[in-house]
């Protein structure tokens, strides 16, 4: 199993090392994020952003490195109770790369 790198928090407190408790929490958040699939990361980030209130999206972006648009997408999906998301798959049907079709010479 390959090891994923754990994102280093870019928030002011972690960069200045002013709050060790917050630094440990942010490290634990990023450790957990490194083990989730893409939609789970998006949803967890969305919940954390909502929990932090105004400015939460930007803060979670700094902590996790996820794009702000990705976090907002997670918030939207959570607010719609994941109705449009498949329960047995990570991606929607038809998403991803198209399958490779070999052309044979006739």
Protein backbone atom coordinates (compact mmCIF):
# COMPACT_ATOMS: atom_id res chain seq x y z
CA UNK A 1 0.00 0.00 0.00
CA UNK A 2 1.40 3.38 -0.98
CA UNK A 3 1.56 6.09 1.63
CA UNK A 4 -0.24 9.32 0.85
CA UNK A 5 1.39 12.54 1.91
CA UNK A 6 -0.42 14.43 4.64
CA UNK A 7 -1.20 18.04 3.79
CA UNK A 8 0.49 20.64 5.97
CA UNK A 9 -1.90 23.25 7.32
CA UNK A 10 -1.37 26.80 5.99
CA UNK A 11 -3.42 28.66 8.62
CA UNK A 12 -1.75 31.47 10.56
CA UNK A 13 -1.80 29.63 13.89
CA UNK A 14 -0.08 26.55 12.45
CA UNK A 15 2.44 28.55 10.43
CA UNK A 16 3.42 30.68 13.45
CA UNK A 17 3.16 27.68 15.83
CA UNK A 18 1.16 29.81 18.29
CA UNK A 19 -1.44 27.21 19.31
CA UNK A 20 -0.14 23.63 19.70
CA UNK A 21 -3.64 22.25 20.40
CA UNK A 22 -5.03 23.75 17.20
CA UNK A 23 -1.95 22.56 15.31
CA UNK A 24 -2.52 19.00 16.54
CA UNK A 25 -6.22 19.16 15.62
CA UNK A 26 -5.42 20.37 12.10
CA UNK A 27 -2.82 17.62 11.69
CA UNK A 28 -5.38 15.02 12.78
CA UNK A 29 -7.93 16.44 10.34
CA UNK A 30 -5.41 16.17 7.50
CA UNK A 31 -4.39 12.68 8.58
CA UNK A 32 -8.01 11.56 8.40
CA UNK A 33 -8.51 13.34 5.07
CA UNK A 34 -5.58 11.40 3.64
CA UNK A 35 -7.51 8.14 4.18
CA UNK A 36 -10.87 9.22 2.71
CA UNK A 37 -12.00 8.96 -0.90
CA UNK A 38 -12.71 12.10 -2.90
CA UNK A 39 -16.40 12.48 -2.05
CA UNK A 40 -15.86 11.71 1.64
CA UNK A 41 -13.11 14.37 1.79
CA UNK A 42 -15.47 16.88 0.18
CA UNK A 43 -18.29 16.08 2.62
CA UNK A 44 -16.08 16.15 5.72
CA UNK A 45 -14.61 19.49 4.62
CA UNK A 46 -18.14 20.81 4.03
CA UNK A 47 -19.26 19.83 7.53
CA UNK A 48 -16.17 21.43 9.09
CA UNK A 49 -16.71 24.61 7.05
CA UNK A 50 -20.32 24.84 8.19
CA UNK A 51 -19.33 24.14 11.79
CA UNK A 52 -16.88 27.08 11.66
CA UNK A 53 -19.56 29.49 10.39
CA UNK A 54 -18.68 32.67 8.49
CA UNK A 55 -15.24 32.27 6.89
CA UNK A 56 -15.31 28.53 7.52
CA UNK A 57 -14.86 27.64 3.86
CA UNK A 58 -11.67 29.68 3.60
CA UNK A 59 -10.36 28.30 6.90
CA UNK A 60 -10.97 24.68 5.84
CA UNK A 61 -9.29 25.49 2.51
CA UNK A 62 -6.19 26.65 4.43
CA UNK A 63 -6.24 23.62 6.74
CA UNK A 64 -6.87 20.91 4.13
CA UNK A 65 -5.68 22.39 0.86
CA UNK A 66 -8.99 21.54 -0.81
CA UNK A 67 -10.21 24.07 -3.35
CA UNK A 68 -12.91 26.45 -2.12
CA UNK A 69 -15.17 25.36 -5.00
CA UNK A 70 -14.81 21.74 -3.90
CA UNK A 71 -15.81 22.61 -0.34
CA UNK A 72 -18.81 24.62 -1.61
CA UNK A 73 -19.82 21.66 -3.78
CA UNK A 74 -19.72 19.47 -0.67
CA UNK A 75 -21.89 21.97 1.21
CA UNK A 76 -24.39 21.90 -1.65
CA UNK A 77 -24.45 18.10 -1.76
CA UNK A 78 -24.90 17.86 2.02
CA UNK A 79 -27.68 20.47 1.99
CA UNK A 80 -29.52 18.40 -0.64
CA UNK A 81 -29.05 15.31 1.58
CA UNK A 82 -26.81 13.62 -1.02
CA UNK A 83 -29.84 12.86 -3.22
CA UNK A 84 -27.82 13.14 -6.44
CA UNK A 85 -24.91 11.02 -5.15
CA UNK A 86 -24.71 7.25 -5.72
CA UNK A 87 -24.54 5.19 -2.54
CA UNK A 88 -22.49 2.32 -3.96
CA UNK A 89 -20.00 4.31 -6.04
CA UNK A 90 -17.59 7.19 -5.59
CA UNK A 91 -18.29 8.71 -8.97
CA UNK A 92 -21.47 9.16 -10.93
CA UNK A 93 -22.13 6.67 -13.68
CA UNK A 94 -20.37 7.73 -16.88
CA UNK A 95 -17.79 9.81 -15.04
CA UNK A 96 -14.08 9.34 -15.49
CA UNK A 97 -12.00 8.52 -18.50
CA UNK A 98 -13.64 7.00 -21.55
CA UNK A 99 -12.76 3.37 -22.10
CA UNK A 100 -10.03 2.65 -24.60
CA UNK A 101 -11.32 1.13 -27.82
CA UNK A 102 -8.80 -0.66 -29.97
CA UNK A 103 -9.25 -0.14 -33.67
CA UNK A 104 -8.57 -3.17 -35.73
CA UNK A 105 -7.40 -3.02 -39.28
CA UNK A 106 -9.89 -4.33 -41.76
